[in-house]
């Protein structure tokens, strides 16, 4: 990644699904680029990544808490409605499955033009935030479905 970033203009880098940047050379990128934007649905994670940098380069790192697919909020709304209208775990599971089938990605997230875009491990993480939230809500809403 370092060798490829040397081939592009050093104005703006965009890191999609950045998280805590554990697999990304954030310090190197922040030193090289005038501006680096970290995008992730988990604002705490990208804030923690920036906090690990020395102050002089951290100032060039901007945070954008966003769902790049536009699916998390609608999915969580559908899940809340499904749980509220379900009397037992089986009906809730059916309602949740139906809700998932209705969600479509959208173009709500439109990034600024960048010289370098990195989307490291994004595909493996696209649904994890929403699914974790749904699992937590299911546990609270349907305690009888959870083994002790």
Protein backbone atom coordinates (compact mmCIF):
# COMPACT_ATOMS: atom_id res chain seq x y z
CA UNK A 1 0.00 0.00 0.00
CA UNK A 2 2.82 2.38 0.84
CA UNK A 3 4.50 1.90 -2.52
CA UNK A 4 1.24 2.46 -4.44
CA UNK A 5 0.34 5.62 -2.54
CA UNK A 6 3.65 7.13 -3.68
CA UNK A 7 2.34 7.08 -7.28
CA UNK A 8 -0.60 9.43 -6.67
CA UNK A 9 -1.01 13.12 -5.88
CA UNK A 10 -0.62 13.88 -2.18
CA UNK A 11 -3.74 15.97 -1.69
CA UNK A 12 -6.49 13.79 -0.28
CA UNK A 13 -6.79 10.18 0.88
CA UNK A 14 -10.09 8.52 1.80
CA UNK A 15 -10.19 5.41 3.98
CA UNK A 16 -13.57 3.66 3.81
CA UNK A 17 -14.53 1.36 6.66
CA UNK A 18 -11.44 2.56 8.47
CA UNK A 19 -12.39 1.39 11.95
CA UNK A 20 -9.40 1.61 14.27
CA UNK A 21 -7.03 1.46 11.26
CA UNK A 22 -5.29 -1.56 12.72
CA UNK A 23 -4.39 -2.95 9.29
CA UNK A 24 -3.70 0.42 7.67
CA UNK A 25 -0.53 2.55 7.79
CA UNK A 26 -2.46 5.60 9.00
CA UNK A 27 0.58 7.49 10.29
CA UNK A 28 2.37 7.05 6.95
CA UNK A 29 -0.70 8.17 5.01
CA UNK A 30 -1.24 11.18 7.28
CA UNK A 31 2.37 12.22 6.80
CA UNK A 32 2.14 11.84 3.02
CA UNK A 33 -1.28 13.39 2.31
CA UNK A 34 -2.45 16.93 3.04
CA UNK A 35 -5.78 15.51 4.16
CA UNK A 36 -6.91 12.04 5.20
CA UNK A 37 -10.56 11.24 5.86
CA UNK A 38 -11.50 8.21 7.92
CA UNK A 39 -15.00 6.93 7.23
CA UNK A 40 -16.72 4.34 9.38
CA UNK A 41 -20.11 3.79 10.97
CA UNK A 42 -18.28 3.46 14.32
CA UNK A 43 -17.22 7.01 15.24
CA UNK A 44 -15.48 5.85 18.42
CA UNK A 45 -13.22 3.55 16.39
CA UNK A 46 -12.08 6.22 13.94
CA UNK A 47 -11.62 8.72 16.77
CA UNK A 48 -9.41 6.18 18.55
CA UNK A 49 -7.38 5.69 15.37
CA UNK A 50 -6.75 9.43 15.05
CA UNK A 51 -5.95 9.73 18.77
CA UNK A 52 -3.01 7.36 18.31
CA UNK A 53 -1.28 9.81 15.96
CA UNK A 54 1.13 12.59 16.91
CA UNK A 55 -0.71 15.92 17.10
CA UNK A 56 1.08 17.45 14.10
CA UNK A 57 -0.28 14.82 11.70
CA UNK A 58 -3.54 14.08 13.55
CA UNK A 59 -4.69 17.58 12.57
CA UNK A 60 -4.78 16.42 8.93
CA UNK A 61 -7.03 13.46 9.72
CA UNK A 62 -10.77 14.13 9.48
CA UNK A 63 -13.52 11.86 10.75
CA UNK A 64 -16.74 11.03 8.95
CA UNK A 65 -19.10 8.74 10.80
CA UNK A 66 -21.16 7.32 7.97
CA UNK A 67 -22.74 4.13 6.75
CA UNK A 68 -21.33 3.88 3.22
CA UNK A 69 -24.16 1.55 2.13
CA UNK A 70 -27.00 3.59 3.62
CA UNK A 71 -28.56 0.36 4.93
CA UNK A 72 -27.90 0.37 8.68
CA UNK A 73 -30.49 2.96 9.75
CA UNK A 74 -33.35 1.52 7.64
CA UNK A 75 -32.47 -1.99 8.75
CA UNK A 76 -32.43 -0.99 12.41
CA UNK A 77 -35.80 0.76 11.99
CA UNK A 78 -37.28 -2.34 10.35
CA UNK A 79 -35.81 -4.54 13.09
CA UNK A 80 -37.31 -2.37 15.84
CA UNK A 81 -40.72 -2.54 14.18
CA UNK A 82 -40.43 -6.32 13.72
CA UNK A 83 -39.52 -6.85 17.36
CA UNK A 84 -42.25 -4.53 18.60
CA UNK A 85 -44.92 -6.37 16.62
CA UNK A 86 -43.78 -9.92 17.40
CA UNK A 87 -45.14 -11.91 20.32
CA UNK A 88 -42.48 -14.63 20.31
CA UNK A 89 -39.02 -15.45 18.99
CA UNK A 90 -40.23 -17.40 15.95
CA UNK A 91 -42.45 -14.56 14.72
CA UNK A 92 -39.68 -12.06 15.42
CA UNK A 93 -37.22 -14.14 13.36
CA UNK A 94 -39.69 -14.27 10.47
CA UNK A 95 -40.32 -10.53 10.66
CA UNK A 96 -36.59 -9.80 10.83
CA UNK A 97 -35.91 -12.01 7.80
CA UNK A 98 -38.65 -10.23 5.85
CA UNK A 99 -37.21 -6.86 6.88
CA UNK A 100 -33.73 -7.79 5.67
CA UNK A 101 -35.15 -8.68 2.26
CA UNK A 102 -36.59 -5.17 1.83
CA UNK A 103 -33.37 -3.23 2.44
CA UNK A 104 -31.45 -1.98 -0.58
CA UNK A 105 -28.12 -0.13 -0.62
CA UNK A 106 -28.38 3.50 -1.63
CA UNK A 107 -26.10 6.34 -2.59
CA UNK A 108 -26.64 8.44 0.54
CA UNK A 109 -22.89 8.50 1.12
CA UNK A 110 -21.13 10.51 -1.58
CA UNK A 111 -17.46 10.99 -0.77
CA UNK A 112 -15.39 13.97 -1.77
CA UNK A 113 -13.06 13.53 -4.70
CA UNK A 114 -9.87 11.87 -3.46
CA UNK A 115 -6.48 11.02 -4.90
CA UNK A 116 -6.32 7.71 -3.06
CA UNK A 117 -9.24 5.59 -1.83
CA UNK A 118 -8.69 2.57 0.39
CA UNK A 119 -11.50 0.18 1.30
CA UNK A 120 -9.65 -2.41 3.34
CA UNK A 121 -11.80 -5.30 4.68
CA UNK A 122 -14.99 -3.34 3.93
CA UNK A 123 -16.82 -6.26 2.32
CA UNK A 124 -16.41 -8.45 5.39
CA UNK A 125 -17.73 -5.71 7.69
CA UNK A 126 -20.64 -4.20 5.75
CA UNK A 127 -23.40 -5.76 7.82
CA UNK A 128 -21.61 -6.35 11.11
CA UNK A 129 -22.64 -3.08 12.79
CA UNK A 130 -26.34 -3.45 12.03
CA UNK A 131 -26.36 -7.16 12.81
CA UNK A 132 -24.66 -6.59 16.17
CA UNK A 133 -27.24 -3.93 17.04
CA UNK A 134 -30.09 -6.21 15.98
CA UNK A 135 -28.71 -9.10 18.05
CA UNK A 136 -28.51 -6.85 21.12
CA UNK A 137 -32.09 -5.66 20.58
CA UNK A 138 -33.31 -9.23 20.15
CA UNK A 139 -31.64 -10.24 23.40
CA UNK A 140 -33.39 -7.41 25.26
CA UNK A 141 -36.77 -7.81 23.54
CA UNK A 142 -36.95 -11.61 23.71
CA UNK A 143 -35.15 -12.73 26.86
CA UNK A 144 -37.05 -16.05 26.84
CA UNK A 145 -35.30 -16.97 23.56
CA UNK A 146 -31.85 -16.62 25.13
CA UNK A 147 -30.42 -19.63 26.95
CA UNK A 148 -29.10 -18.93 30.49
